[in-house]
Amino acid sequence: MFRRREPVPFAFIAEADQFRSNVTPPPRERASAGQMVARWLIGLTVVAGIAGSLLVGMPALSQDQSPAKTQHSEASDGR
């Protein structure tokens, strides 16, 4: 094994690259039915919000092909 070139003030830091743990973490707990329903409802609410904002915002983003009435200012009437 190689030694570090720079001085390290703590021995455990110098030996940290050699340490390997044999302790396995505990298995993850499964989500309960209530938690799964809550996650689905939150996801459904987010998707419905995005779809609703698209439905409401699309008319404002569309360009009219044939304007029914052209707008002009009163200053151009020659007053």
C-alpha atoms as a PDB file:
ATOM      1  CA  MET A   1       0.000   0.000   0.000  1.00  0.00           C
ATOM      2  CA  PHE A   2       1.263   3.485  -0.721  1.00  0.00           C
ATOM      3  CA  ARG A   3       1.858   6.164   1.890  1.00  0.00           C
ATOM      4  CA  ARG A   4       0.678   9.736   1.593  1.00  0.00           C
ATOM      5  CA  ARG A   5       3.333  12.300   0.779  1.00  0.00           C
ATOM      6  CA  GLU A   6       1.837  15.217   2.728  1.00  0.00           C
ATOM      7  CA  PRO A   7       1.779  15.091   6.532  1.00  0.00           C
ATOM      8  CA  VAL A   8      -1.639  14.398   8.020  1.00  0.00           C
ATOM      9  CA  PRO A   9      -2.252  15.492  11.630  1.00  0.00           C
ATOM     10  CA  PHE A  10      -4.709  12.708  12.453  1.00  0.00           C
ATOM     11  CA  ALA A  11      -3.923   9.053  11.975  1.00  0.00           C
ATOM     12  CA  PHE A  12      -7.527   8.045  11.302  1.00  0.00           C
ATOM     13  CA  ILE A  13      -7.706  10.403   8.338  1.00  0.00           C
ATOM     14  CA  ALA A  14      -4.536   8.913   6.895  1.00  0.00           C
ATOM     15  CA  GLU A  15      -5.921   5.400   7.311  1.00  0.00           C
ATOM     16  CA  ALA A  16      -9.459   6.248   6.158  1.00  0.00           C
ATOM     17  CA  ASP A  17      -8.897   4.999   2.596  1.00  0.00           C
ATOM     18  CA  GLN A  18      -8.060   1.542   3.952  1.00  0.00           C
ATOM     19  CA  PHE A  19     -11.140   1.183   6.164  1.00  0.00           C
ATOM     20  CA  ARG A  20     -13.995  -0.946   4.851  1.00  0.00           C
ATOM     21  CA  SER A  21     -17.128  -1.516   6.874  1.00  0.00           C
ATOM     22  CA  ASN A  22     -18.728  -4.938   7.120  1.00  0.00           C
ATOM     23  CA  VAL A  23     -21.958  -3.520   8.585  1.00  0.00           C
ATOM     24  CA  THR A  24     -24.828  -3.526   6.126  1.00  0.00           C
ATOM     25  CA  PRO A  25     -27.487  -0.856   6.446  1.00  0.00           C
ATOM     26  CA  PRO A  26     -30.952  -1.973   7.491  1.00  0.00           C
ATOM     27  CA  PRO A  27     -33.464  -2.629   4.698  1.00  0.00           C
ATOM     28  CA  ARG A  28     -35.736   0.253   3.712  1.00  0.00           C
ATOM     29  CA  GLU A  29     -39.196   0.250   5.146  1.00  0.00           C
ATOM     30  CA  ARG A  30     -41.988  -0.238   2.673  1.00  0.00           C
ATOM     31  CA  ALA A  31     -44.392   2.647   2.339  1.00  0.00           C
ATOM     32  CA  SER A  32     -47.779   2.129   3.903  1.00  0.00           C
ATOM     33  CA  ALA A  33     -50.982   2.233   1.879  1.00  0.00           C
ATOM     34  CA  GLY A  34     -51.771   5.709   3.191  1.00  0.00           C
ATOM     35  CA  GLN A  35     -48.388   7.012   2.115  1.00  0.00           C
ATOM     36  CA  MET A  36     -48.801   5.519  -1.348  1.00  0.00           C
ATOM     37  CA  VAL A  37     -52.241   7.111  -1.731  1.00  0.00           C
ATOM     38  CA  ALA A  38     -50.853  10.455  -0.570  1.00  0.00           C
ATOM     39  CA  ARG A  39     -48.028  10.275  -3.128  1.00  0.00           C
ATOM     40  CA  TRP A  40     -50.477   9.433  -5.914  1.00  0.00           C
ATOM     41  CA  LEU A  41     -52.754  12.322  -4.919  1.00  0.00           C
ATOM     42  CA  ILE A  42     -49.874  14.779  -4.835  1.00  0.00           C
ATOM     43  CA  GLY A  43     -48.689  13.598  -8.250  1.00  0.00           C
ATOM     44  CA  LEU A  44     -52.205  13.766  -9.663  1.00  0.00           C
ATOM     45  CA  THR A  45     -52.640  17.287  -8.282  1.00  0.00           C
ATOM     46  CA  VAL A  46     -49.391  18.450  -9.878  1.00  0.00           C
ATOM     47  CA  VAL A  47     -50.287  16.925 -13.258  1.00  0.00           C
ATOM     48  CA  ALA A  48     -53.822  18.362 -13.111  1.00  0.00           C
ATOM     49  CA  GLY A  49     -52.396  21.793 -12.271  1.00  0.00           C
ATOM     50  CA  ILE A  50     -50.033  21.714 -15.231  1.00  0.00           C
ATOM     51  CA  ALA A  51     -52.780  20.516 -17.587  1.00  0.00           C
ATOM     52  CA  GLY A  52     -55.204  23.142 -16.262  1.00  0.00           C
ATOM     53  CA  SER A  53     -52.697  25.947 -16.676  1.00  0.00           C
ATOM     54  CA  LEU A  54     -52.077  24.833 -20.260  1.00  0.00           C
ATOM     55  CA  LEU A  55     -55.798  24.762 -21.010  1.00  0.00           C
ATOM     56  CA  VAL A  56     -56.338  28.210 -19.524  1.00  0.00           C
ATOM     57  CA  GLY A  57     -53.175  29.715 -21.003  1.00  0.00           C
ATOM     58  CA  MET A  58     -53.394  28.403 -24.570  1.00  0.00           C
ATOM     59  CA  PRO A  59     -55.991  30.929 -25.782  1.00  0.00           C
ATOM     60  CA  ALA A  60     -53.795  33.769 -24.555  1.00  0.00           C
ATOM     61  CA  LEU A  61     -50.802  32.365 -26.426  1.00  0.00           C
ATOM     62  CA  SER A  62     -52.555  31.786 -29.733  1.00  0.00           C
ATOM     63  CA  GLN A  63     -52.423  34.441 -32.438  1.00  0.00           C
ATOM     64  CA  ASP A  64     -55.613  35.528 -34.157  1.00  0.00           C
ATOM     65  CA  GLN A  65     -55.424  34.870 -37.899  1.00  0.00           C
ATOM     66  CA  SER A  66     -58.092  37.385 -38.950  1.00  0.00           C
ATOM     67  CA  PRO A  67     -58.643  40.253 -36.537  1.00  0.00           C
ATOM     68  CA  ALA A  68     -62.310  41.279 -36.459  1.00  0.00           C
ATOM     69  CA  LYS A  69     -61.619  44.944 -35.884  1.00  0.00           C
ATOM     70  CA  THR A  70     -58.403  46.869 -36.320  1.00  0.00           C
ATOM     71  CA  GLN A  71     -57.488  49.164 -33.497  1.00  0.00           C
ATOM     72  CA  HIS A  72     -56.412  52.709 -34.062  1.00  0.00           C
ATOM     73  CA  SER A  73     -55.786  55.588 -31.731  1.00  0.00           C
ATOM     74  CA  GLU A  74     -57.939  58.683 -31.527  1.00  0.00           C
ATOM     75  CA  ALA A  75     -54.861  60.812 -32.131  1.00  0.00           C
ATOM     76  CA  SER A  76     -54.823  59.679 -35.749  1.00  0.00           C
ATOM     77  CA  ASP A  77     -58.385  61.060 -36.339  1.00  0.00           C
ATOM     78  CA  GLY A  78     -57.003  64.525 -37.007  1.00  0.00           C
ATOM     79  CA  ARG A  79     -58.344  66.338 -33.976  1.00  0.00           C
END
